[in-house]
């Protein structure tokens, strides 16, 4: 092996997390996150006023309290699970061929830091893997924006490849199926709920091809070239593929969306509404998947695992089990390795 040969750089990018549970750190994180024009897609001045005068000041103390519910001795689960993923991936890739770095879209370690390490290593190519299975402008699109904003300042720009969607990857699906099987071996359930992070409806419509988007089963029930980048369509596809691998009864499966912000309509059905509907229909034991997240975080551990559980139990439910995220599970690491090699 020629050790002087240039390597391929790999940058794993997850969403981000506050540096601590202190209100000041949470406020700093919220400001960076929500000031992203792809996250809150309104003009810059009203966005600045909304984020800095309303959302960040009032939401930060509550969010800081929520973060204390999942913080560990290693800090934020989303951060350390991504670190673990990177370290396991490094062990599986040839060190003479690849250099792997990780970053957070917001806060630390930054995309700028990760790219600088790869730039200094004179890599011949950079593969950017956004750790969001379903493409959305607010997540994967934002990562592309930030990477190109930084790379365009370089004198020499290597080839840059973006992996923006992997909902159909067999190992991604198998990793979720493995986790589901482990839960199903211990318990039987009345219903299976798949909860994904929500988006404003306007963001889905902005990406509609030839007016195809109807935000309903008329379009999302099938996955076609016209809705291949529709976030809602990809979420329903993810559910169908995992359900198929697990052999779950489709009449007991629900796909829904969580984490609304603001008063504008977000994609439906809403998870809170589906919880009420399941309880009304007499479901007592529900198994919950969150396949939009590859690492445990506030939205999974606290929102789905604790808050929604309390709501379900208040409505008469008896068991609400959350399937853990992929984190650094071996099959998931193998999936990321394959994504790297496919794009080398």
Protein backbone atom coordinates (compact mmCIF):
# COMPACT_ATOMS: atom_id res chain seq x y z
CA UNK A 1 0.00 0.00 0.00
CA UNK A 2 1.32 3.41 -0.98
CA UNK A 3 1.06 5.41 2.23
CA UNK A 4 1.71 8.62 0.31
CA UNK A 5 -1.51 8.17 -1.65
CA UNK A 6 -4.19 10.70 -0.74
CA UNK A 7 -7.01 9.42 1.44
CA UNK A 8 -10.75 9.85 1.14
CA UNK A 9 -12.21 11.99 3.88
CA UNK A 10 -15.46 11.07 5.61
CA UNK A 11 -17.49 13.59 7.61
CA UNK A 12 -20.36 12.30 9.72
CA UNK A 13 -22.79 15.09 10.60
CA UNK A 14 -25.52 14.95 13.22
CA UNK A 15 -27.88 17.71 14.33
CA UNK A 16 -26.20 19.12 17.41
CA UNK A 17 -26.67 19.60 21.11
CA UNK A 18 -26.02 22.23 23.80
CA UNK A 19 -22.61 22.10 25.45
CA UNK A 20 -24.31 21.61 28.83
CA UNK A 21 -27.71 21.78 30.47
CA UNK A 22 -27.07 25.36 31.63
CA UNK A 23 -29.75 27.74 30.40
CA UNK A 24 -27.16 29.95 28.73
CA UNK A 25 -25.74 27.05 26.72
CA UNK A 26 -29.20 25.87 25.73
CA UNK A 27 -30.15 29.40 24.66
CA UNK A 28 -26.97 29.64 22.57
CA UNK A 29 -27.81 26.33 20.87
CA UNK A 30 -31.41 27.32 20.19
CA UNK A 31 -30.33 30.61 18.64
CA UNK A 32 -27.89 28.97 16.24
CA UNK A 33 -30.33 26.19 15.37
CA UNK A 34 -33.42 28.31 14.85
CA UNK A 35 -31.65 31.15 13.04
CA UNK A 36 -30.93 28.71 10.22
CA UNK A 37 -33.08 29.89 7.31
CA UNK A 38 -33.77 26.30 6.32
CA UNK A 39 -35.16 25.50 9.77
CA UNK A 40 -37.39 28.54 10.18
CA UNK A 41 -37.89 29.47 6.55
CA UNK A 42 -39.14 33.04 6.88
CA UNK A 43 -37.31 36.28 6.00
CA UNK A 44 -34.20 37.05 8.05
CA UNK A 45 -35.45 40.06 10.03
CA UNK A 46 -38.72 38.52 11.29
CA UNK A 47 -36.83 35.27 11.94
CA UNK A 48 -34.26 37.16 14.05
CA UNK A 49 -37.01 38.88 16.03
CA UNK A 50 -38.92 35.64 16.55
CA UNK A 51 -35.89 33.62 17.65
CA UNK A 52 -34.04 36.20 19.74
CA UNK A 53 -36.95 38.03 21.34
CA UNK A 54 -39.50 35.26 21.78
CA UNK A 55 -38.39 31.66 21.30
CA UNK A 56 -34.86 31.58 22.76
CA UNK A 57 -35.55 33.71 25.87
CA UNK A 58 -38.71 31.87 26.87
CA UNK A 59 -37.95 28.37 25.62
CA UNK A 60 -34.38 28.05 26.89
CA UNK A 61 -35.19 27.58 30.62
CA UNK A 62 -37.78 24.90 29.87
CA UNK A 63 -35.53 23.14 27.36
CA UNK A 64 -32.62 23.25 29.81
CA UNK A 65 -34.78 21.43 32.35
CA UNK A 66 -35.74 18.85 29.71
CA UNK A 67 -32.07 18.24 28.84
CA UNK A 68 -31.31 17.35 32.47
CA UNK A 69 -33.62 14.35 32.05
CA UNK A 70 -31.35 12.67 29.50
CA UNK A 71 -27.87 14.05 30.32
CA UNK A 72 -25.40 11.43 31.50
CA UNK A 73 -21.88 11.34 32.89
CA UNK A 74 -20.70 11.35 29.27
CA UNK A 75 -22.89 14.34 28.50
CA UNK A 76 -25.41 14.49 25.68
CA UNK A 77 -26.40 11.05 24.30
CA UNK A 78 -26.69 12.44 20.78
CA UNK A 79 -23.09 13.61 20.95
CA UNK A 80 -21.43 10.61 22.57
CA UNK A 81 -23.37 8.08 20.48
CA UNK A 82 -22.14 9.89 17.37
CA UNK A 83 -18.60 9.78 18.77
CA UNK A 84 -18.99 6.04 19.34
CA UNK A 85 -20.31 5.59 15.81
CA UNK A 86 -17.31 7.39 14.39
CA UNK A 87 -14.83 5.37 16.47
CA UNK A 88 -16.40 2.07 15.45
CA UNK A 89 -16.43 3.14 11.82
CA UNK A 90 -12.73 4.00 11.99
CA UNK A 91 -12.04 0.43 13.15
CA UNK A 92 -13.91 -0.99 10.16
CA UNK A 93 -12.32 1.17 7.44
CA UNK A 94 -8.77 0.88 6.10
CA UNK A 95 -6.78 3.70 7.80
CA UNK A 96 -4.58 3.94 4.71
CA UNK A 97 -7.60 4.80 2.59
CA UNK A 98 -9.87 6.84 4.85
CA UNK A 99 -9.82 9.61 7.42
CA UNK A 100 -13.05 9.91 9.39
CA UNK A 101 -14.22 13.00 11.26
CA UNK A 102 -17.52 13.90 12.89
CA UNK A 103 -19.37 17.14 13.40
CA UNK A 104 -22.59 18.69 14.58
CA UNK A 105 -24.56 21.01 12.34
CA UNK A 106 -25.03 23.29 15.34
CA UNK A 107 -22.53 23.87 18.17
CA UNK A 108 -19.58 21.59 18.85
CA UNK A 109 -17.70 19.99 17.23
CA UNK A 110 -18.56 22.20 14.28
CA UNK A 111 -18.66 21.34 10.61
CA UNK A 112 -15.92 23.92 10.11
CA UNK A 113 -13.65 22.03 12.52
CA UNK A 114 -14.30 18.69 10.84
CA UNK A 115 -13.73 20.04 7.35
CA UNK A 116 -10.54 21.82 8.44
CA UNK A 117 -9.07 18.54 9.67
CA UNK A 118 -9.84 16.89 6.34
CA UNK A 119 -8.52 19.87 4.41
CA UNK A 120 -5.24 19.84 6.30
CA UNK A 121 -4.93 16.12 5.58
CA UNK A 122 -5.08 16.90 1.83
CA UNK A 123 -7.77 14.34 1.19
CA UNK A 124 -8.61 13.69 -2.45
CA UNK A 125 -12.33 13.52 -1.81
CA UNK A 126 -14.82 14.20 0.99
CA UNK A 127 -17.91 12.08 1.62
CA UNK A 128 -20.40 13.93 3.80
CA UNK A 129 -22.95 11.66 5.47
CA UNK A 130 -25.83 13.56 7.04
CA UNK A 131 -27.12 11.28 9.78
CA UNK A 132 -30.75 11.96 8.93
CA UNK A 133 -32.28 8.95 7.14
CA UNK A 134 -35.04 10.90 5.40
CA UNK A 135 -34.07 13.93 3.34
CA UNK A 136 -35.41 17.30 4.48
CA UNK A 137 -34.31 20.79 3.57
CA UNK A 138 -34.16 21.68 7.28
CA UNK A 139 -31.67 18.89 8.06
CA UNK A 140 -29.78 17.34 5.13
CA UNK A 141 -30.24 20.45 3.00
CA UNK A 142 -28.85 22.62 5.79
CA UNK A 143 -25.77 20.41 6.07
CA UNK A 144 -25.11 20.78 2.34
CA UNK A 145 -25.51 24.54 2.66
CA UNK A 146 -23.01 24.78 5.51
CA UNK A 147 -20.42 22.48 3.94
CA UNK A 148 -20.46 24.42 0.68
CA UNK A 149 -20.38 27.77 2.49
CA UNK A 150 -17.10 26.68 4.08
CA UNK A 151 -15.57 24.78 1.16
CA UNK A 152 -16.09 27.59 -1.32
CA UNK A 153 -13.53 29.67 0.62
CA UNK A 154 -10.79 27.07 -0.04
CA UNK A 155 -8.30 27.59 -2.81
CA UNK A 156 -8.43 23.90 -3.67
CA UNK A 157 -11.79 22.17 -3.35
CA UNK A 158 -11.68 18.36 -3.55
CA UNK A 159 -14.58 16.34 -4.88
CA UNK A 160 -17.40 16.45 -2.34
CA UNK A 161 -20.14 13.81 -2.27
CA UNK A 162 -23.23 14.09 -0.09
CA UNK A 163 -25.21 11.12 1.21
CA UNK A 164 -28.62 12.63 1.84
CA UNK A 165 -31.00 9.70 2.04
CA UNK A 166 -30.62 6.08 3.08
CA UNK A 167 -34.13 4.98 4.02
CA UNK A 168 -33.96 2.00 1.68
CA UNK A 169 -30.53 0.76 2.70
CA UNK A 170 -30.90 -2.91 3.75
CA UNK A 171 -28.61 -2.57 6.77
CA UNK A 172 -30.39 0.55 8.02
CA UNK A 173 -33.66 -1.36 7.89
CA UNK A 174 -32.12 -4.50 9.40
CA UNK A 175 -30.69 -2.52 12.32
CA UNK A 176 -34.19 -1.26 13.18
CA UNK A 177 -35.64 -4.72 12.65
CA UNK A 178 -33.10 -6.20 15.07
CA UNK A 179 -34.09 -3.70 17.73
CA UNK A 180 -37.77 -4.37 17.10
CA UNK A 181 -37.31 -8.13 17.34
CA UNK A 182 -35.57 -7.77 20.70
CA UNK A 183 -38.61 -5.92 22.04
CA UNK A 184 -41.11 -8.31 20.45
CA UNK A 185 -39.39 -11.31 22.03
CA UNK A 186 -40.21 -9.89 25.46
CA UNK A 187 -43.75 -8.60 24.96
CA UNK A 188 -46.77 -8.62 22.66
CA UNK A 189 -48.45 -5.37 21.66
CA UNK A 190 -51.84 -4.09 20.57
CA UNK A 191 -50.42 -1.41 18.26
CA UNK A 192 -47.18 -0.17 16.70
CA UNK A 193 -46.59 3.55 16.45
CA UNK A 194 -43.89 5.11 14.24
CA UNK A 195 -43.25 8.71 15.30
CA UNK A 196 -41.11 11.00 13.11
CA UNK A 197 -40.00 14.57 13.63
CA UNK A 198 -42.49 16.93 12.03
CA UNK A 199 -42.02 19.74 9.52
CA UNK A 200 -44.22 22.69 8.56
CA UNK A 201 -46.48 21.80 5.66
CA UNK A 202 -45.17 24.80 3.72
CA UNK A 203 -41.70 23.23 3.59
CA UNK A 204 -43.08 20.07 2.05
CA UNK A 205 -45.08 22.03 -0.53
CA UNK A 206 -42.01 24.08 -1.49
CA UNK A 207 -40.32 20.89 -2.66
CA UNK A 208 -43.34 19.53 -4.51
CA UNK A 209 -42.60 18.40 -8.08
CA UNK A 210 -45.19 19.46 -10.67
CA UNK A 211 -47.74 20.06 -7.91
CA UNK A 212 -47.62 16.36 -6.98
CA UNK A 213 -47.71 16.91 -3.21
CA UNK A 214 -51.12 16.56 -1.57
CA UNK A 215 -49.89 15.73 1.95
CA UNK A 216 -52.07 12.63 2.04
CA UNK A 217 -52.20 8.98 1.06
CA UNK A 218 -52.98 10.12 -2.48
CA UNK A 219 -49.27 10.75 -2.92
CA UNK A 220 -47.39 9.47 0.15
CA UNK A 221 -48.74 5.93 -0.03
CA UNK A 222 -46.40 5.35 -2.98
CA UNK A 223 -42.74 6.22 -3.35
CA UNK A 224 -42.00 7.57 -6.83
CA UNK A 225 -39.50 9.75 -8.65
CA UNK A 226 -41.76 12.74 -8.01
CA UNK A 227 -41.83 12.37 -4.22
CA UNK A 228 -38.47 10.68 -3.63
CA UNK A 229 -37.27 13.75 -1.70
CA UNK A 230 -40.58 14.45 0.03
CA UNK A 231 -39.88 14.03 3.74
CA UNK A 232 -43.39 12.82 4.55
CA UNK A 233 -43.30 10.26 1.76
CA UNK A 234 -39.92 8.96 2.93
CA UNK A 235 -41.23 8.57 6.48
CA UNK A 236 -44.19 6.48 5.34
CA UNK A 237 -41.83 4.42 3.19
CA UNK A 238 -39.55 3.83 6.19
CA UNK A 239 -42.49 2.57 8.20
CA UNK A 240 -43.64 0.22 5.43
CA UNK A 241 -40.17 -1.26 4.97
CA UNK A 242 -39.54 -1.85 8.69
CA UNK A 243 -43.04 -3.28 9.16
CA UNK A 244 -42.41 -5.66 6.26
CA UNK A 245 -39.13 -6.89 7.75
CA UNK A 246 -40.77 -7.48 11.12
CA UNK A 247 -43.95 -8.99 9.71
CA UNK A 248 -46.16 -6.68 11.73
CA UNK A 249 -49.92 -6.57 11.05
CA UNK A 250 -50.41 -3.43 8.95
CA UNK A 251 -53.83 -2.70 10.43
CA UNK A 252 -52.15 -2.15 13.80
CA UNK A 253 -49.47 0.24 12.51
CA UNK A 254 -49.64 4.05 12.78
CA UNK A 255 -47.27 6.61 11.26
CA UNK A 256 -47.31 10.10 12.77
CA UNK A 257 -45.29 13.26 13.41
CA UNK A 258 -44.09 14.98 16.59
CA UNK A 259 -42.29 18.10 17.86
CA UNK A 260 -44.42 20.91 16.44
CA UNK A 261 -43.25 24.50 16.88
CA UNK A 262 -45.44 27.55 16.30
CA UNK A 263 -49.01 27.90 15.08
CA UNK A 264 -48.62 27.09 11.38
CA UNK A 265 -49.92 23.67 10.26
CA UNK A 266 -47.32 20.89 10.34
CA UNK A 267 -47.46 17.56 8.55
CA UNK A 268 -50.05 15.19 9.96
CA UNK A 269 -51.21 13.05 11.60
CA UNK A 270 -49.84 14.44 14.86
CA UNK A 271 -48.46 11.94 17.34
CA UNK A 272 -50.55 13.39 20.19
CA UNK A 273 -53.73 12.81 18.19
CA UNK A 274 -52.74 9.23 17.36
CA UNK A 275 -52.09 8.48 21.02
CA UNK A 276 -55.64 9.58 21.83
CA UNK A 277 -57.03 7.55 18.94
CA UNK A 278 -55.20 4.39 19.98
CA UNK A 279 -56.41 4.77 23.56
CA UNK A 280 -59.97 5.36 22.35
CA UNK A 281 -59.82 2.16 20.31
CA UNK A 282 -58.76 0.23 23.40
CA UNK A 283 -55.05 -0.26 22.78
CA UNK A 284 -53.32 -1.01 26.08
CA UNK A 285 -49.80 -1.91 24.96
CA UNK A 286 -47.97 0.07 22.29
CA UNK A 287 -44.49 -0.40 20.83
CA UNK A 288 -43.01 2.86 19.54
CA UNK A 289 -40.33 3.42 16.89
CA UNK A 290 -38.60 6.75 16.10
CA UNK A 291 -36.80 6.03 12.80
CA UNK A 292 -36.03 9.66 11.96
CA UNK A 293 -33.40 9.64 14.70
CA UNK A 294 -30.29 7.45 14.59
CA UNK A 295 -29.13 8.42 18.10
CA UNK A 296 -31.00 8.81 21.36
CA UNK A 297 -31.80 12.46 21.98
CA UNK A 298 -34.29 14.84 23.57
CA UNK A 299 -36.97 14.03 20.99
CA UNK A 300 -36.75 10.28 21.58
CA UNK A 301 -35.79 9.74 25.21
CA UNK A 302 -37.81 12.58 26.73
CA UNK A 303 -40.54 13.55 24.27
CA UNK A 304 -41.50 10.08 23.01
CA UNK A 305 -40.19 7.93 25.85
CA UNK A 306 -41.46 9.98 28.78
CA UNK A 307 -43.96 12.68 27.80
CA UNK A 308 -45.96 10.61 25.34
CA UNK A 309 -45.86 7.66 27.72
CA UNK A 310 -47.45 9.80 30.43
CA UNK A 311 -50.15 10.96 28.02
CA UNK A 312 -50.92 7.39 26.98
CA UNK A 313 -51.11 6.17 30.57
CA UNK A 314 -53.39 9.07 31.55
CA UNK A 315 -55.75 7.88 28.80
CA UNK A 316 -55.83 4.35 30.21
CA UNK A 317 -52.85 2.81 28.46
CA UNK A 318 -50.84 0.23 30.36
CA UNK A 319 -47.58 -0.16 28.47
CA UNK A 320 -45.68 2.25 26.21
CA UNK A 321 -42.31 0.84 25.12
CA UNK A 322 -39.85 2.90 23.09
CA UNK A 323 -37.48 1.05 20.78
CA UNK A 324 -34.01 2.59 21.39
CA UNK A 325 -32.25 4.42 18.58
CA UNK A 326 -29.52 2.83 16.44
CA UNK A 327 -26.75 4.67 18.35
CA UNK A 328 -23.56 2.70 17.60
CA UNK A 329 -25.16 -0.69 17.05
CA UNK A 330 -22.91 -2.92 14.91
CA UNK A 331 -25.39 -3.37 12.07
CA UNK A 332 -25.82 0.40 11.87
CA UNK A 333 -22.05 0.87 11.80
CA UNK A 334 -21.92 -1.64 8.94
CA UNK A 335 -24.57 0.41 7.15
CA UNK A 336 -22.50 3.59 7.44
CA UNK A 337 -19.40 1.70 6.30
CA UNK A 338 -21.28 0.53 3.22
CA UNK A 339 -22.49 4.08 2.51
CA UNK A 340 -18.88 5.21 2.60
CA UNK A 341 -17.65 2.47 0.31
CA UNK A 342 -20.52 2.90 -2.14
CA UNK A 343 -19.58 6.55 -2.55
CA UNK A 344 -15.79 6.20 -2.64
